[in-house]
Amino acid sequence: MYSKEIFVPEYLKATKQICQKLVEDQSASNLKALREPLLKLLINGVPSDVIILNMVKELCAMSSSEESKRQYIHWASFYDNRVQNGSKALFHMEALIARFMYIASENKNY
């Protein structure tokens, strides 16, 4: 018969890669490196709230700590509000990634 492959949109793959990289390395150089894929997502028309939602889903799936999951959800909501009310989505999204890096560094149970 036919082999059925599940199609995964590129923005979901990119979001998953961003999350994996931010969990692996919480350095300033990595934050700078993650700016490019994030900018590509925004330029290609992926709404910031969709990016944030998928990042939270991915990070919560990776984490085993209930406290870190709660923090991911809290800060995603905080920065989503900032993105919606601000003028430069990229700056707020970068701040969110930096916050996620901080949470990941505090809770090293991946």
PDB file of N, CA and C in Angstrom:
ATOM      1  N   MET A   1       0.832  -1.183   0.000  1.00  0.00           N
ATOM      2  CA  MET A   1       0.000   0.000   0.000  1.00  0.00           C
ATOM      3  C   MET A   1       0.873   1.241   0.000  1.00  0.00           C
ATOM      4  N   TYR A   2       0.227   2.325   0.256  1.00  0.00           N
ATOM      5  CA  TYR A   2       0.918   3.610   0.276  1.00  0.00           C
ATOM      6  C   TYR A   2       1.450   3.897   1.672  1.00  0.00           C
ATOM      7  N   SER A   3       2.615   4.505   1.713  1.00  0.00           N
ATOM      8  CA  SER A   3       3.113   4.925   3.022  1.00  0.00           C
ATOM      9  C   SER A   3       2.594   6.333   3.279  1.00  0.00           C
ATOM     10  N   LYS A   4       2.035   6.512   4.414  1.00  0.00           N
ATOM     11  CA  LYS A   4       1.446   7.808   4.753  1.00  0.00           C
ATOM     12  C   LYS A   4       2.381   8.554   5.687  1.00  0.00           C
ATOM     13  N   GLU A   5       2.849   9.683   5.234  1.00  0.00           N
ATOM     14  CA  GLU A   5       3.682  10.536   6.069  1.00  0.00           C
ATOM     15  C   GLU A   5       2.831  11.691   6.561  1.00  0.00           C
ATOM     16  N   ILE A   6       3.006  12.014   7.790  1.00  0.00           N
ATOM     17  CA  ILE A   6       2.285  13.148   8.347  1.00  0.00           C
ATOM     18  C   ILE A   6       3.039  14.408   8.002  1.00  0.00           C
ATOM     19  N   PHE A   7       2.341  15.342   7.398  1.00  0.00           N
ATOM     20  CA  PHE A   7       2.951  16.610   7.017  1.00  0.00           C
ATOM     21  C   PHE A   7       3.061  17.512   8.242  1.00  0.00           C
ATOM     22  N   VAL A   8       4.271  17.972   8.511  1.00  0.00           N
ATOM     23  CA  VAL A   8       4.503  18.907   9.611  1.00  0.00           C
ATOM     24  C   VAL A   8       4.906  20.236   8.991  1.00  0.00           C
ATOM     25  N   PRO A   9       4.138  21.295   9.250  1.00  0.00           N
ATOM     26  CA  PRO A   9       4.474  22.595   8.665  1.00  0.00           C
ATOM     27  C   PRO A   9       5.865  23.070   9.090  1.00  0.00           C
ATOM     28  N   GLU A  10       6.485  23.831   8.222  1.00  0.00           N
ATOM     29  CA  GLU A  10       7.841  24.315   8.471  1.00  0.00           C
ATOM     30  C   GLU A  10       7.929  25.185   9.724  1.00  0.00           C
ATOM     31  N   TYR A  11       6.889  25.972   9.998  1.00  0.00           N
ATOM     32  CA  TYR A  11       6.957  26.836  11.172  1.00  0.00           C
ATOM     33  C   TYR A  11       6.969  26.018  12.466  1.00  0.00           C
ATOM     34  N   LEU A  12       6.332  24.847  12.455  1.00  0.00           N
ATOM     35  CA  LEU A  12       6.380  23.987  13.642  1.00  0.00           C
ATOM     36  C   LEU A  12       7.759  23.373  13.818  1.00  0.00           C
ATOM     37  N   LYS A  13       8.386  22.990  12.708  1.00  0.00           N
ATOM     38  CA  LYS A  13       9.749  22.464  12.775  1.00  0.00           C
ATOM     39  C   LYS A  13      10.707  23.530  13.286  1.00  0.00           C
ATOM     40  N   ALA A  14      10.561  24.760  12.781  1.00  0.00           N
ATOM     41  CA  ALA A  14      11.441  25.859  13.196  1.00  0.00           C
ATOM     42  C   ALA A  14      11.242  26.185  14.678  1.00  0.00           C
ATOM     43  N   THR A  15       9.998  26.178  15.121  1.00  0.00           N
ATOM     44  CA  THR A  15       9.707  26.452  16.529  1.00  0.00           C
ATOM     45  C   THR A  15      10.315  25.381  17.419  1.00  0.00           C
ATOM     46  N   LYS A  16      10.221  24.135  17.009  1.00  0.00           N
ATOM     47  CA  LYS A  16      10.795  23.034  17.782  1.00  0.00           C
ATOM     48  C   LYS A  16      12.313  23.169  17.872  1.00  0.00           C
ATOM     49  N   GLN A  17      12.957  23.545  16.764  1.00  0.00           N
ATOM     50  CA  GLN A  17      14.406  23.744  16.761  1.00  0.00           C
ATOM     51  C   GLN A  17      14.810  24.880  17.685  1.00  0.00           C
ATOM     52  N   ILE A  18      14.054  25.971  17.663  1.00  0.00           N
ATOM     53  CA  ILE A  18      14.339  27.102  18.554  1.00  0.00           C
ATOM     54  C   ILE A  18      14.282  26.639  20.003  1.00  0.00           C
ATOM     55  N   CYS A  19      13.244  25.894  20.350  1.00  0.00           N
ATOM     56  CA  CYS A  19      13.093  25.419  21.732  1.00  0.00           C
ATOM     57  C   CYS A  19      14.218  24.477  22.131  1.00  0.00           C
ATOM     58  N   GLN A  20      14.593  23.575  21.241  1.00  0.00           N
ATOM     59  CA  GLN A  20      15.683  22.650  21.557  1.00  0.00           C
ATOM     60  C   GLN A  20      16.989  23.395  21.783  1.00  0.00           C
ATOM     61  N   LYS A  21      17.251  24.398  20.960  1.00  0.00           N
ATOM     62  CA  LYS A  21      18.491  25.153  21.097  1.00  0.00           C
ATOM     63  C   LYS A  21      18.499  26.000  22.363  1.00  0.00           C
ATOM     64  N   LEU A  22      17.355  26.572  22.734  1.00  0.00           N
ATOM     65  CA  LEU A  22      17.360  27.409  23.939  1.00  0.00           C
ATOM     66  C   LEU A  22      17.474  26.586  25.203  1.00  0.00           C
ATOM     67  N   VAL A  23      17.015  25.337  25.165  1.00  0.00           N
ATOM     68  CA  VAL A  23      17.173  24.450  26.321  1.00  0.00           C
ATOM     69  C   VAL A  23      18.613  23.953  26.427  1.00  0.00           C
ATOM     70  N   GLU A  24      19.248  23.689  25.289  1.00  0.00           N
ATOM     71  CA  GLU A  24      20.616  23.177  25.281  1.00  0.00           C
ATOM     72  C   GLU A  24      21.640  24.206  25.739  1.00  0.00           C
ATOM     73  N   ASP A  25      21.478  25.453  25.313  1.00  0.00           N
ATOM     74  CA  ASP A  25      22.493  26.475  25.567  1.00  0.00           C
ATOM     75  C   ASP A  25      21.819  27.793  25.920  1.00  0.00           C
ATOM     76  N   GLN A  26      22.123  28.305  27.107  1.00  0.00           N
ATOM     77  CA  GLN A  26      21.524  29.552  27.558  1.00  0.00           C
ATOM     78  C   GLN A  26      22.509  30.722  27.518  1.00  0.00           C
ATOM     79  N   SER A  27      23.305  30.793  26.476  1.00  0.00           N
ATOM     80  CA  SER A  27      24.300  31.860  26.373  1.00  0.00           C
ATOM     81  C   SER A  27      23.769  33.030  25.542  1.00  0.00           C
ATOM     82  N   ALA A  28      24.440  34.166  25.681  1.00  0.00           N
ATOM     83  CA  ALA A  28      24.061  35.358  24.918  1.00  0.00           C
ATOM     84  C   ALA A  28      24.286  35.137  23.419  1.00  0.00           C
ATOM     85  N   SER A  29      25.325  34.408  23.074  1.00  0.00           N
ATOM     86  CA  SER A  29      25.587  34.135  21.657  1.00  0.00           C
ATOM     87  C   SER A  29      24.486  33.259  21.059  1.00  0.00           C
ATOM     88  N   ASN A  30      23.950  32.340  21.844  1.00  0.00           N
ATOM     89  CA  ASN A  30      22.850  31.510  21.362  1.00  0.00           C
ATOM     90  C   ASN A  30      21.579  32.343  21.209  1.00  0.00           C
ATOM     91  N   LEU A  31      21.351  33.268  22.123  1.00  0.00           N
ATOM     92  CA  LEU A  31      20.198  34.156  22.006  1.00  0.00           C
ATOM     93  C   LEU A  31      20.289  34.959  20.715  1.00  0.00           C
ATOM     94  N   LYS A  32      21.475  35.440  20.412  1.00  0.00           N
ATOM     95  CA  LYS A  32      21.687  36.187  19.173  1.00  0.00           C
ATOM     96  C   LYS A  32      21.466  35.283  17.960  1.00  0.00           C
ATOM     97  N   ALA A  33      21.917  34.034  18.036  1.00  0.00           N
ATOM     98  CA  ALA A  33      21.749  33.093  16.934  1.00  0.00           C
ATOM     99  C   ALA A  33      20.272  32.726  16.720  1.00  0.00           C
ATOM    100  N   LEU A  34      19.492  32.708  17.786  1.00  0.00           N
ATOM    101  CA  LEU A  34      18.076  32.349  17.670  1.00  0.00           C
ATOM    102  C   LEU A  34      17.235  33.485  17.096  1.00  0.00           C
ATOM    103  N   ARG A  35      17.815  34.668  17.019  1.00  0.00           N
ATOM    104  CA  ARG A  35      17.077  35.806  16.473  1.00  0.00           C
ATOM    105  C   ARG A  35      16.738  35.592  14.999  1.00  0.00           C
ATOM    106  N   GLU A  36      17.678  35.011  14.246  1.00  0.00           N
ATOM    107  CA  GLU A  36      17.460  34.821  12.808  1.00  0.00           C
ATOM    108  C   GLU A  36      16.281  33.904  12.490  1.00  0.00           C
ATOM    109  N   PRO A  37      16.197  32.687  13.080  1.00  0.00           N
ATOM    110  CA  PRO A  37      15.027  31.858  12.771  1.00  0.00           C
ATOM    111  C   PRO A  37      13.712  32.477  13.260  1.00  0.00           C
ATOM    112  N   LEU A  38      13.783  33.206  14.359  1.00  0.00           N
ATOM    113  CA  LEU A  38      12.594  33.876  14.863  1.00  0.00           C
ATOM    114  C   LEU A  38      12.149  34.969  13.889  1.00  0.00           C
ATOM    115  N   LEU A  39      13.104  35.731  13.378  1.00  0.00           N
ATOM    116  CA  LEU A  39      12.801  36.780  12.409  1.00  0.00           C
ATOM    117  C   LEU A  39      12.235  36.181  11.128  1.00  0.00           C
ATOM    118  N   LYS A  40      12.777  35.045  10.696  1.00  0.00           N
ATOM    119  CA  LYS A  40      12.257  34.377   9.487  1.00  0.00           C
ATOM    120  C   LYS A  40      10.794  33.983   9.666  1.00  0.00           C
ATOM    121  N   LEU A  41      10.472  33.474  10.843  1.00  0.00           N
ATOM    122  CA  LEU A  41       9.077  33.107  11.098  1.00  0.00           C
ATOM    123  C   LEU A  41       8.164  34.322  11.008  1.00  0.00           C
ATOM    124  N   LEU A  42       8.578  35.421  11.616  1.00  0.00           N
ATOM    125  CA  LEU A  42       7.756  36.630  11.608  1.00  0.00           C
ATOM    126  C   LEU A  42       7.650  37.225  10.203  1.00  0.00           C
ATOM    127  N   ILE A  43       8.742  37.224   9.460  1.00  0.00           N
ATOM    128  CA  ILE A  43       8.731  37.764   8.097  1.00  0.00           C
ATOM    129  C   ILE A  43       7.828  36.941   7.186  1.00  0.00           C
ATOM    130  N   ASN A  44       7.814  35.628   7.387  1.00  0.00           N
ATOM    131  CA  ASN A  44       6.998  34.754   6.553  1.00  0.00           C
ATOM    132  C   ASN A  44       5.526  34.715   6.969  1.00  0.00           C
ATOM    133  N   GLY A  45       5.143  35.576   7.871  1.00  0.00           N
ATOM    134  CA  GLY A  45       3.730  35.737   8.191  1.00  0.00           C
ATOM    135  C   GLY A  45       3.179  34.851   9.267  1.00  0.00           C
ATOM    136  N   VAL A  46       4.032  34.193  10.011  1.00  0.00           N
ATOM    137  CA  VAL A  46       3.540  33.380  11.128  1.00  0.00           C
ATOM    138  C   VAL A  46       3.236  34.343  12.281  1.00  0.00           C
ATOM    139  N   PRO A  47       1.996  34.385  12.742  1.00  0.00           N
ATOM    140  CA  PRO A  47       1.646  35.318  13.822  1.00  0.00           C
ATOM    141  C   PRO A  47       2.427  35.025  15.104  1.00  0.00           C
ATOM    142  N   SER A  48       2.754  36.074  15.810  1.00  0.00           N
ATOM    143  CA  SER A  48       3.553  35.924  17.027  1.00  0.00           C
ATOM    144  C   SER A  48       2.837  35.074  18.078  1.00  0.00           C
ATOM    145  N   ASP A  49       1.513  35.184  18.165  1.00  0.00           N
ATOM    146  CA  ASP A  49       0.804  34.381  19.162  1.00  0.00           C
ATOM    147  C   ASP A  49       0.861  32.886  18.825  1.00  0.00           C
ATOM    148  N   VAL A  50       0.929  32.539  17.549  1.00  0.00           N
ATOM    149  CA  VAL A  50       1.068  31.138  17.143  1.00  0.00           C
ATOM    150  C   VAL A  50       2.466  30.633  17.501  1.00  0.00           C
ATOM    151  N   ILE A  51       3.478  31.472  17.295  1.00  0.00           N
ATOM    152  CA  ILE A  51       4.847  31.102  17.653  1.00  0.00           C
ATOM    153  C   ILE A  51       4.947  30.872  19.155  1.00  0.00           C
ATOM    154  N   ILE A  52       4.408  31.803  19.922  1.00  0.00           N
ATOM    155  CA  ILE A  52       4.467  31.701  21.384  1.00  0.00           C
ATOM    156  C   ILE A  52       3.737  30.455  21.865  1.00  0.00           C
ATOM    157  N   LEU A  53       2.557  30.201  21.344  1.00  0.00           N
ATOM    158  CA  LEU A  53       1.775  29.029  21.745  1.00  0.00           C
ATOM    159  C   LEU A  53       2.538  27.738  21.462  1.00  0.00           C
ATOM    160  N   ASN A  54       3.122  27.640  20.286  1.00  0.00           N
ATOM    161  CA  ASN A  54       3.855  26.424  19.941  1.00  0.00           C
ATOM    162  C   ASN A  54       5.139  26.280  20.746  1.00  0.00           C
ATOM    163  N   MET A  55       5.783  27.400  21.079  1.00  0.00           N
ATOM    164  CA  MET A  55       6.969  27.332  21.929  1.00  0.00           C
ATOM    165  C   MET A  55       6.604  26.812  23.315  1.00  0.00           C
ATOM    166  N   VAL A  56       5.514  27.309  23.854  1.00  0.00           N
ATOM    167  CA  VAL A  56       5.088  26.863  25.186  1.00  0.00           C
ATOM    168  C   VAL A  56       4.730  25.378  25.167  1.00  0.00           C
ATOM    169  N   LYS A  57       4.013  24.947  24.148  1.00  0.00           N
ATOM    170  CA  LYS A  57       3.675  23.519  24.046  1.00  0.00           C
ATOM    171  C   LYS A  57       4.940  22.671  23.991  1.00  0.00           C
ATOM    172  N   GLU A  58       5.892  23.103  23.191  1.00  0.00           N
ATOM    173  CA  GLU A  58       7.130  22.345  23.014  1.00  0.00           C
ATOM    174  C   GLU A  58       7.938  22.310  24.310  1.00  0.00           C
ATOM    175  N   LEU A  59       8.083  23.465  24.960  1.00  0.00           N
ATOM    176  CA  LEU A  59       8.873  23.535  26.191  1.00  0.00           C
ATOM    177  C   LEU A  59       8.209  22.765  27.331  1.00  0.00           C
ATOM    178  N   CYS A  60       6.896  22.823  27.409  1.00  0.00           N
ATOM    179  CA  CYS A  60       6.195  22.069  28.450  1.00  0.00           C
ATOM    180  C   CYS A  60       6.316  20.565  28.206  1.00  0.00           C
ATOM    181  N   ALA A  61       6.334  20.164  26.946  1.00  0.00           N
ATOM    182  CA  ALA A  61       6.515  18.740  26.638  1.00  0.00           C
ATOM    183  C   ALA A  61       7.918  18.283  27.001  1.00  0.00           C
ATOM    184  N   MET A  62       8.909  19.161  26.877  1.00  0.00           N
ATOM    185  CA  MET A  62      10.293  18.818  27.192  1.00  0.00           C
ATOM    186  C   MET A  62      10.560  18.789  28.692  1.00  0.00           C
ATOM    187  N   SER A  63       9.842  19.599  29.438  1.00  0.00           N
ATOM    188  CA  SER A  63      10.122  19.768  30.858  1.00  0.00           C
ATOM    189  C   SER A  63       9.377  18.737  31.701  1.00  0.00           C
ATOM    190  N   SER A  64      10.027  18.334  32.786  1.00  0.00           N
ATOM    191  CA  SER A  64       9.358  17.422  33.715  1.00  0.00           C
ATOM    192  C   SER A  64       8.929  18.142  34.990  1.00  0.00           C
ATOM    193  N   SER A  65       9.338  19.381  35.154  1.00  0.00           N
ATOM    194  CA  SER A  65       9.025  20.147  36.347  1.00  0.00           C
ATOM    195  C   SER A  65       7.715  20.920  36.167  1.00  0.00           C
ATOM    196  N   GLU A  66       6.797  20.726  37.085  1.00  0.00           N
ATOM    197  CA  GLU A  66       5.514  21.440  37.035  1.00  0.00           C
ATOM    198  C   GLU A  66       5.722  22.945  37.241  1.00  0.00           C
ATOM    199  N   GLU A  67       6.676  23.309  38.060  1.00  0.00           N
ATOM    200  CA  GLU A  67       6.951  24.724  38.308  1.00  0.00           C
ATOM    201  C   GLU A  67       7.468  25.417  37.056  1.00  0.00           C
ATOM    202  N   SER A  68       8.354  24.761  36.330  1.00  0.00           N
ATOM    203  CA  SER A  68       8.860  25.386  35.109  1.00  0.00           C
ATOM    204  C   SER A  68       7.755  25.485  34.054  1.00  0.00           C
ATOM    205  N   LYS A  69       6.875  24.504  33.990  1.00  0.00           N
ATOM    206  CA  LYS A  69       5.747  24.581  33.062  1.00  0.00           C
ATOM    207  C   LYS A  69       4.861  25.770  33.402  1.00  0.00           C
ATOM    208  N   ARG A  70       4.602  25.960  34.687  1.00  0.00           N
ATOM    209  CA  ARG A  70       3.789  27.094  35.125  1.00  0.00           C
ATOM    210  C   ARG A  70       4.452  28.405  34.740  1.00  0.00           C
ATOM    211  N   GLN A  71       5.773  28.487  34.921  1.00  0.00           N
ATOM    212  CA  GLN A  71       6.500  29.706  34.566  1.00  0.00           C
ATOM    213  C   GLN A  71       6.488  29.955  33.068  1.00  0.00           C
ATOM    214  N   TYR A  72       6.642  28.896  32.263  1.00  0.00           N
ATOM    215  CA  TYR A  72       6.583  29.064  30.810  1.00  0.00           C
ATOM    216  C   TYR A  72       5.240  29.658  30.394  1.00  0.00           C
ATOM    217  N   ILE A  73       4.164  29.137  30.954  1.00  0.00           N
ATOM    218  CA  ILE A  73       2.830  29.616  30.603  1.00  0.00           C
ATOM    219  C   ILE A  73       2.633  31.056  31.071  1.00  0.00           C
ATOM    220  N   HIS A  74       3.064  31.347  32.293  1.00  0.00           N
ATOM    221  CA  HIS A  74       2.913  32.700  32.835  1.00  0.00           C
ATOM    222  C   HIS A  74       3.643  33.729  31.972  1.00  0.00           C
ATOM    223  N   TRP A  75       4.921  33.468  31.684  1.00  0.00           N
ATOM    224  CA  TRP A  75       5.708  34.452  30.934  1.00  0.00           C
ATOM    225  C   TRP A  75       5.304  34.521  29.474  1.00  0.00           C
ATOM    226  N   ALA A  76       4.804  33.429  28.927  1.00  0.00           N
ATOM    227  CA  ALA A  76       4.294  33.481  27.551  1.00  0.00           C
ATOM    228  C   ALA A  76       3.089  34.401  27.474  1.00  0.00           C
ATOM    229  N   SER A  77       2.225  34.313  28.454  1.00  0.00           N
ATOM    230  CA  SER A  77       1.056  35.192  28.496  1.00  0.00           C
ATOM    231  C   SER A  77       1.473  36.653  28.681  1.00  0.00           C
ATOM    232  N   PHE A  78       2.441  36.887  29.545  1.00  0.00           N
ATOM    233  CA  PHE A  78       2.938  38.240  29.792  1.00  0.00           C
ATOM    234  C   PHE A  78       3.509  38.864  28.513  1.00  0.00           C
ATOM    235  N   TYR A  79       4.393  38.121  27.829  1.00  0.00           N
ATOM    236  CA  TYR A  79       5.023  38.665  26.636  1.00  0.00           C
ATOM    237  C   TYR A  79       4.085  38.672  25.431  1.00  0.00           C
ATOM    238  N   ASP A  80       3.114  37.788  25.392  1.00  0.00           N
ATOM    239  CA  ASP A  80       2.118  37.850  24.325  1.00  0.00           C
ATOM    240  C   ASP A  80       1.341  39.159  24.414  1.00  0.00           C
ATOM    241  N   ASN A  81       1.017  39.556  25.619  1.00  0.00           N
ATOM    242  CA  ASN A  81       0.348  40.840  25.826  1.00  0.00           C
ATOM    243  C   ASN A  81       1.239  41.994  25.365  1.00  0.00           C
ATOM    244  N   ARG A  82       2.518  41.920  25.668  1.00  0.00           N
ATOM    245  CA  ARG A  82       3.458  42.955  25.233  1.00  0.00           C
ATOM    246  C   ARG A  82       3.567  43.015  23.714  1.00  0.00           C
ATOM    247  N   VAL A  83       3.597  41.848  23.082  1.00  0.00           N
ATOM    248  CA  VAL A  83       3.686  41.800  21.616  1.00  0.00           C
ATOM    249  C   VAL A  83       2.442  42.442  21.000  1.00  0.00           C
ATOM    250  N   GLN A  84       1.275  42.124  21.547  1.00  0.00           N
ATOM    251  CA  GLN A  84       0.031  42.645  20.988  1.00  0.00           C
ATOM    252  C   GLN A  84      -0.084  44.160  21.159  1.00  0.00           C
ATOM    253  N   ASN A  85       0.456  44.686  22.251  1.00  0.00           N
ATOM    254  CA  ASN A  85       0.337  46.118  22.526  1.00  0.00           C
ATOM    255  C   ASN A  85       1.535  46.929  22.083  1.00  0.00           C
ATOM    256  N   GLY A  86       2.643  46.278  21.740  1.00  0.00           N
ATOM    257  CA  GLY A  86       3.857  46.974  21.345  1.00  0.00           C
ATOM    258  C   GLY A  86       3.937  47.158  19.839  1.00  0.00           C
ATOM    259  N   SER A  87       5.018  47.807  19.411  1.00  0.00           N
ATOM    260  CA  SER A  87       5.157  48.063  17.980  1.00  0.00           C
ATOM    261  C   SER A  87       6.187  47.144  17.316  1.00  0.00           C
ATOM    262  N   LYS A  88       7.134  46.632  18.062  1.00  0.00           N
ATOM    263  CA  LYS A  88       8.185  45.770  17.501  1.00  0.00           C
ATOM    264  C   LYS A  88       8.080  44.379  18.109  1.00  0.00           C
ATOM    265  N   ALA A  89       7.449  43.484  17.388  1.00  0.00           N
ATOM    266  CA  ALA A  89       7.219  42.131  17.906  1.00  0.00           C
ATOM    267  C   ALA A  89       8.525  41.387  18.154  1.00  0.00           C
ATOM    268  N   LEU A  90       9.515  41.617  17.292  1.00  0.00           N
ATOM    269  CA  LEU A  90      10.773  40.880  17.417  1.00  0.00           C
ATOM    270  C   LEU A  90      11.448  41.138  18.762  1.00  0.00           C
ATOM    271  N   PHE A  91      11.426  42.383  19.231  1.00  0.00           N
ATOM    272  CA  PHE A  91      12.078  42.712  20.500  1.00  0.00           C
ATOM    273  C   PHE A  91      11.420  41.978  21.666  1.00  0.00           C
ATOM    274  N   HIS A  92      10.113  41.936  21.671  1.00  0.00           N
ATOM    275  CA  HIS A  92       9.401  41.253  22.752  1.00  0.00           C
ATOM    276  C   HIS A  92       9.572  39.743  22.663  1.00  0.00           C
ATOM    277  N   MET A  93       9.623  39.232  21.440  1.00  0.00           N
ATOM    278  CA  MET A  93       9.844  37.798  21.264  1.00  0.00           C
ATOM    279  C   MET A  93      11.246  37.400  21.728  1.00  0.00           C
ATOM    280  N   GLU A  94      12.227  38.255  21.466  1.00  0.00           N
ATOM    281  CA  GLU A  94      13.581  37.983  21.952  1.00  0.00           C
ATOM    282  C   GLU A  94      13.633  37.994  23.476  1.00  0.00           C
ATOM    283  N   ALA A  95      12.928  38.940  24.068  1.00  0.00           N
ATOM    284  CA  ALA A  95      12.868  38.999  25.529  1.00  0.00           C
ATOM    285  C   ALA A  95      12.215  37.732  26.088  1.00  0.00           C
ATOM    286  N   LEU A  96      11.204  37.237  25.411  1.00  0.00           N
ATOM    287  CA  LEU A  96      10.551  36.000  25.833  1.00  0.00           C
ATOM    288  C   LEU A  96      11.515  34.821  25.752  1.00  0.00           C
ATOM    289  N   ILE A  97      12.291  34.743  24.688  1.00  0.00           N
ATOM    290  CA  ILE A  97      13.262  33.654  24.556  1.00  0.00           C
ATOM    291  C   ILE A  97      14.311  33.756  25.656  1.00  0.00           C
ATOM    292  N   ALA A  98      14.740  34.975  25.972  1.00  0.00           N
ATOM    293  CA  ALA A  98      15.698  35.163  27.061  1.00  0.00           C
ATOM    294  C   ALA A  98      15.098  34.693  28.389  1.00  0.00           C
ATOM    295  N   ARG A  99      13.841  34.986  28.615  1.00  0.00           N
ATOM    296  CA  ARG A  99      13.166  34.541  29.843  1.00  0.00           C
ATOM    297  C   ARG A  99      13.057  33.018  29.866  1.00  0.00           C
ATOM    298  N   PHE A 100      12.722  32.431  28.729  1.00  0.00           N
ATOM    299  CA  PHE A 100      12.651  30.973  28.645  1.00  0.00           C
ATOM    300  C   PHE A 100      14.014  30.348  28.914  1.00  0.00           C
ATOM    301  N   MET A 101      15.071  30.980  28.434  1.00  0.00           N
ATOM    302  CA  MET A 101      16.426  30.485  28.704  1.00  0.00           C
ATOM    303  C   MET A 101      16.725  30.523  30.196  1.00  0.00           C
ATOM    304  N   TYR A 102      16.300  31.590  30.842  1.00  0.00           N
ATOM    305  CA  TYR A 102      16.517  31.716  32.283  1.00  0.00           C
ATOM    306  C   TYR A 102      15.770  30.605  33.029  1.00  0.00           C
ATOM    307  N   ILE A 103      14.528  30.362  32.655  1.00  0.00           N
ATOM    308  CA  ILE A 103      13.742  29.306  33.300  1.00  0.00           C
ATOM    309  C   ILE A 103      14.401  27.947  33.077  1.00  0.00           C
ATOM    310  N   ALA A 104      14.872  27.719  31.843  1.00  0.00           N
ATOM    311  CA  ALA A 104      15.525  26.440  31.529  1.00  0.00           C
ATOM    312  C   ALA A 104      16.812  26.266  32.330  1.00  0.00           C
ATOM    313  N   SER A 105      17.551  27.358  32.545  1.00  0.00           N
ATOM    314  CA  SER A 105      18.805  27.253  33.300  1.00  0.00           C
ATOM    315  C   SER A 105      18.537  27.021  34.786  1.00  0.00           C
ATOM    316  N   GLU A 106      17.443  27.549  35.287  1.00  0.00           N
ATOM    317  CA  GLU A 106      17.085  27.362  36.697  1.00  0.00           C
ATOM    318  C   GLU A 106      16.551  25.955  36.962  1.00  0.00           C
ATOM    319  N   ASN A 107      15.917  25.373  35.981  1.00  0.00           N
ATOM    320  CA  ASN A 107      15.297  24.053  36.134  1.00  0.00           C
ATOM    321  C   ASN A 107      15.941  23.078  35.160  1.00  0.00           C
ATOM    322  N   LYS A 108      17.076  22.554  35.521  1.00  0.00           N
ATOM    323  CA  LYS A 108      17.813  21.650  34.638  1.00  0.00           C
ATOM    324  C   LYS A 108      17.316  20.221  34.760  1.00  0.00           C
ATOM    325  N   ASN A 109      16.053  19.985  34.452  1.00  0.00           N
ATOM    326  CA  ASN A 109      15.550  18.621  34.490  1.00  0.00           C
ATOM    327  C   ASN A 109      14.857  18.274  33.181  1.00  0.00           C
ATOM    328  N   TYR A 110      15.618  18.316  32.108  1.00  0.00           N
ATOM    329  CA  TYR A 110      15.112  17.946  30.788  1.00  0.00           C
ATOM    330  C   TYR A 110      15.626  16.593  30.399  1.00  0.00           C
TER     331      TYR A 110
END
